[in-house]
C-alpha atoms as a PDB file:
ATOM      1  CA  UNK A   1     -35.245 -58.587 -51.138  1.00  0.00           C
ATOM      2  CA  UNK A   2     -37.943 -56.130 -52.512  1.00  0.00           C
ATOM      3  CA  UNK A   3     -39.453 -53.034 -50.977  1.00  0.00           C
ATOM      4  CA  UNK A   4     -41.637 -54.378 -48.088  1.00  0.00           C
ATOM      5  CA  UNK A   5     -43.930 -51.223 -48.314  1.00  0.00           C
ATOM      6  CA  UNK A   6     -44.758 -51.641 -51.987  1.00  0.00           C
ATOM      7  CA  UNK A   7     -48.106 -53.423 -51.363  1.00  0.00           C
ATOM      8  CA  UNK A   8     -49.069 -50.707 -48.802  1.00  0.00           C
ATOM      9  CA  UNK A   9     -48.655 -47.879 -51.354  1.00  0.00           C
ATOM     10  CA  UNK A  10     -51.764 -46.596 -53.087  1.00  0.00           C
ATOM     11  CA  UNK A  11     -52.119 -44.358 -56.136  1.00  0.00           C
ATOM     12  CA  UNK A  12     -55.434 -42.451 -56.256  1.00  0.00           C
ATOM     13  CA  UNK A  13     -56.244 -40.895 -59.664  1.00  0.00           C
ATOM     14  CA  UNK A  14     -56.939 -37.164 -59.451  1.00  0.00           C
ATOM     15  CA  UNK A  15     -55.622 -36.905 -55.865  1.00  0.00           C
ATOM     16  CA  UNK A  16     -53.600 -33.775 -54.981  1.00  0.00           C
ATOM     17  CA  UNK A  17     -51.257 -32.564 -52.208  1.00  0.00           C
ATOM     18  CA  UNK A  18     -50.788 -29.043 -50.875  1.00  0.00           C
ATOM     19  CA  UNK A  19     -48.340 -28.408 -48.156  1.00  0.00           C
ATOM     20  CA  UNK A  20     -46.819 -25.645 -46.110  1.00  0.00           C
ATOM     21  CA  UNK A  21     -43.501 -25.662 -44.254  1.00  0.00           C
ATOM     22  CA  UNK A  22     -42.432 -23.827 -41.169  1.00  0.00           C
ATOM     23  CA  UNK A  23     -40.478 -20.648 -41.470  1.00  0.00           C
ATOM     24  CA  UNK A  24     -37.543 -19.700 -39.299  1.00  0.00           C
ATOM     25  CA  UNK A  25     -39.905 -18.318 -36.524  1.00  0.00           C
ATOM     26  CA  UNK A  26     -41.665 -21.679 -36.290  1.00  0.00           C
ATOM     27  CA  UNK A  27     -44.813 -20.546 -38.017  1.00  0.00           C
ATOM     28  CA  UNK A  28     -46.279 -22.415 -41.034  1.00  0.00           C
ATOM     29  CA  UNK A  29     -46.059 -20.516 -44.357  1.00  0.00           C
ATOM     30  CA  UNK A  30     -48.841 -20.314 -46.990  1.00  0.00           C
ATOM     31  CA  UNK A  31     -49.911 -23.543 -48.758  1.00  0.00           C
ATOM     32  CA  UNK A  32     -48.133 -24.564 -51.912  1.00  0.00           C
ATOM     33  CA  UNK A  33     -49.927 -24.849 -55.202  1.00  0.00           C
ATOM     34  CA  UNK A  34     -51.731 -28.193 -55.630  1.00  0.00           C
ATOM     35  CA  UNK A  35     -49.550 -31.032 -56.899  1.00  0.00           C
ATOM     36  CA  UNK A  36     -50.224 -34.532 -57.906  1.00  0.00           C
ATOM     37  CA  UNK A  37     -50.084 -37.128 -55.216  1.00  0.00           C
ATOM     38  CA  UNK A  38     -47.998 -40.037 -56.449  1.00  0.00           C
ATOM     39  CA  UNK A  39     -48.781 -42.480 -53.685  1.00  0.00           C
ATOM     40  CA  UNK A  40     -49.932 -42.564 -50.134  1.00  0.00           C
ATOM     41  CA  UNK A  41     -49.865 -45.014 -47.149  1.00  0.00           C
ATOM     42  CA  UNK A  42     -51.229 -44.673 -43.685  1.00  0.00           C
ATOM     43  CA  UNK A  43     -47.692 -43.587 -42.629  1.00  0.00           C
ATOM     44  CA  UNK A  44     -46.669 -41.128 -45.419  1.00  0.00           C
ATOM     45  CA  UNK A  45     -47.058 -39.563 -48.835  1.00  0.00           C
ATOM     46  CA  UNK A  46     -44.973 -39.075 -52.024  1.00  0.00           C
ATOM     47  CA  UNK A  47     -45.336 -36.125 -54.287  1.00  0.00           C
ATOM     48  CA  UNK A  48     -43.383 -33.901 -56.682  1.00  0.00           C
ATOM     49  CA  UNK A  49     -42.814 -30.199 -56.066  1.00  0.00           C
ATOM     50  CA  UNK A  50     -40.854 -27.275 -57.454  1.00  0.00           C
ATOM     51  CA  UNK A  51     -40.084 -26.124 -53.902  1.00  0.00           C
ATOM     52  CA  UNK A  52     -36.767 -27.000 -52.256  1.00  0.00           C
ATOM     53  CA  UNK A  53     -37.256 -28.932 -49.033  1.00  0.00           C
ATOM     54  CA  UNK A  54     -34.721 -30.399 -46.534  1.00  0.00           C
ATOM     55  CA  UNK A  55     -34.767 -33.782 -44.948  1.00  0.00           C
ATOM     56  CA  UNK A  56     -36.312 -33.524 -41.504  1.00  0.00           C
ATOM     57  CA  UNK A  57     -38.225 -30.303 -42.343  1.00  0.00           C
ATOM     58  CA  UNK A  58     -41.659 -30.179 -40.707  1.00  0.00           C
ATOM     59  CA  UNK A  59     -44.728 -29.924 -43.028  1.00  0.00           C
ATOM     60  CA  UNK A  60     -48.429 -29.542 -42.759  1.00  0.00           C
ATOM     61  CA  UNK A  61     -49.950 -31.567 -45.668  1.00  0.00           C
ATOM     62  CA  UNK A  62     -53.485 -31.536 -47.047  1.00  0.00           C
ATOM     63  CA  UNK A  63     -54.531 -34.627 -49.025  1.00  0.00           C
ATOM     64  CA  UNK A  64     -57.145 -33.770 -51.530  1.00  0.00           C
ATOM     65  CA  UNK A  65     -59.032 -36.709 -53.030  1.00  0.00           C
ATOM     66  CA  UNK A  66     -61.991 -36.148 -55.458  1.00  0.00           C
ATOM     67  CA  UNK A  67     -65.303 -36.820 -53.685  1.00  0.00           C
ATOM     68  CA  UNK A  68     -63.652 -37.047 -50.179  1.00  0.00           C
ATOM     69  CA  UNK A  69     -63.180 -34.581 -47.419  1.00  0.00           C
ATOM     70  CA  UNK A  70     -59.678 -33.148 -47.230  1.00  0.00           C
ATOM     71  CA  UNK A  71     -57.324 -34.732 -44.721  1.00  0.00           C
ATOM     72  CA  UNK A  72     -54.813 -32.432 -43.004  1.00  0.00           C
ATOM     73  CA  UNK A  73     -51.799 -34.092 -41.456  1.00  0.00           C
ATOM     74  CA  UNK A  74     -48.559 -33.121 -39.830  1.00  0.00           C
ATOM     75  CA  UNK A  75     -45.338 -34.730 -40.905  1.00  0.00           C
ATOM     76  CA  UNK A  76     -41.774 -34.241 -41.996  1.00  0.00           C
ATOM     77  CA  UNK A  77     -39.616 -34.729 -45.082  1.00  0.00           C
ATOM     78  CA  UNK A  78     -37.952 -38.099 -44.937  1.00  0.00           C
ATOM     79  CA  UNK A  79     -36.248 -38.024 -48.347  1.00  0.00           C
ATOM     80  CA  UNK A  80     -35.863 -35.908 -51.431  1.00  0.00           C
ATOM     81  CA  UNK A  81     -34.857 -36.917 -55.026  1.00  0.00           C
ATOM     82  CA  UNK A  82     -34.160 -34.224 -57.549  1.00  0.00           C
ATOM     83  CA  UNK A  83     -35.870 -35.334 -60.806  1.00  0.00           C
ATOM     84  CA  UNK A  84     -35.113 -32.262 -62.874  1.00  0.00           C
ATOM     85  CA  UNK A  85     -33.613 -28.790 -62.564  1.00  0.00           C
ATOM     86  CA  UNK A  86     -37.128 -27.578 -61.414  1.00  0.00           C
ATOM     87  CA  UNK A  87     -38.724 -30.534 -59.703  1.00  0.00           C
ATOM     88  CA  UNK A  88     -38.028 -32.702 -56.659  1.00  0.00           C
ATOM     89  CA  UNK A  89     -39.816 -35.820 -55.412  1.00  0.00           C
ATOM     90  CA  UNK A  90     -40.612 -35.703 -51.793  1.00  0.00           C
ATOM     91  CA  UNK A  91     -41.194 -38.555 -49.386  1.00  0.00           C
ATOM     92  CA  UNK A  92     -42.911 -37.285 -46.227  1.00  0.00           C
ATOM     93  CA  UNK A  93     -43.728 -39.292 -43.155  1.00  0.00           C
ATOM     94  CA  UNK A  94     -46.722 -38.490 -41.015  1.00  0.00           C
ATOM     95  CA  UNK A  95     -46.287 -37.536 -37.420  1.00  0.00           C
ATOM     96  CA  UNK A  96     -47.485 -39.875 -34.674  1.00  0.00           C
ATOM     97  CA  UNK A  97     -51.220 -40.338 -34.238  1.00  0.00           C
ATOM     98  CA  UNK A  98     -52.684 -39.585 -30.802  1.00  0.00           C
ATOM     99  CA  UNK A  99     -53.919 -36.619 -28.721  1.00  0.00           C
ATOM    100  CA  UNK A 100     -52.070 -33.370 -28.460  1.00  0.00           C
ATOM    101  CA  UNK A 101     -50.751 -30.389 -30.414  1.00  0.00           C
ATOM    102  CA  UNK A 102     -47.951 -32.209 -32.228  1.00  0.00           C
ATOM    103  CA  UNK A 103     -49.929 -35.337 -33.057  1.00  0.00           C
ATOM    104  CA  UNK A 104     -52.157 -36.253 -35.896  1.00  0.00           C
ATOM    105  CA  UNK A 105     -55.651 -37.170 -34.747  1.00  0.00           C
ATOM    106  CA  UNK A 106     -56.835 -40.733 -34.462  1.00  0.00           C
ATOM    107  CA  UNK A 107     -59.724 -39.802 -36.697  1.00  0.00           C
ATOM    108  CA  UNK A 108     -57.210 -38.891 -39.427  1.00  0.00           C
ATOM    109  CA  UNK A 109     -55.606 -42.374 -39.094  1.00  0.00           C
ATOM    110  CA  UNK A 110     -59.163 -43.977 -39.447  1.00  0.00           C
ATOM    111  CA  UNK A 111     -59.693 -41.905 -42.576  1.00  0.00           C
ATOM    112  CA  UNK A 112     -56.343 -42.987 -44.008  1.00  0.00           C
ATOM    113  CA  UNK A 113     -57.316 -46.652 -43.327  1.00  0.00           C
ATOM    114  CA  UNK A 114     -60.689 -46.218 -44.969  1.00  0.00           C
ATOM    115  CA  UNK A 115     -59.087 -44.616 -48.030  1.00  0.00           C
ATOM    116  CA  UNK A 116     -56.539 -47.382 -48.147  1.00  0.00           C
ATOM    117  CA  UNK A 117     -59.236 -49.982 -48.172  1.00  0.00           C
ATOM    118  CA  UNK A 118     -61.422 -48.167 -50.679  1.00  0.00           C
ATOM    119  CA  UNK A 119     -58.545 -47.483 -53.244  1.00  0.00           C
ATOM    120  CA  UNK A 120     -56.342 -50.385 -52.626  1.00  0.00           C
ATOM    121  CA  UNK A 121     -55.465 -51.931 -55.988  1.00  0.00           C
ATOM    122  CA  UNK A 122     -52.231 -53.260 -57.508  1.00  0.00           C
ATOM    123  CA  UNK A 123     -50.015 -50.429 -58.788  1.00  0.00           C
END
């Protein structure tokens, strides 16, 4: 059986990701340098970074798409895959959408759906 999410994943040429993680005091650090967004769904994002991240680590992620307003989302690292001595692929899942401090806004979910519809093409 294949990957059931494959048709949901979208690659957007020129799209970038910047992220920041929480420090030991619970505050978010500075944003990373911009990195290529490999793919995105309405539930998560995949990108490569030279930073070391741990599974479960909370993130604040900005999705930067040419010609679109930046989307800021909360999430956490779901998986990591070391691809070289310097770089790691990261799969981050977005936090739940709703109202409240630890939720992503419903407006963000609507924007992700719009982007998915706009850029949806076979990979």
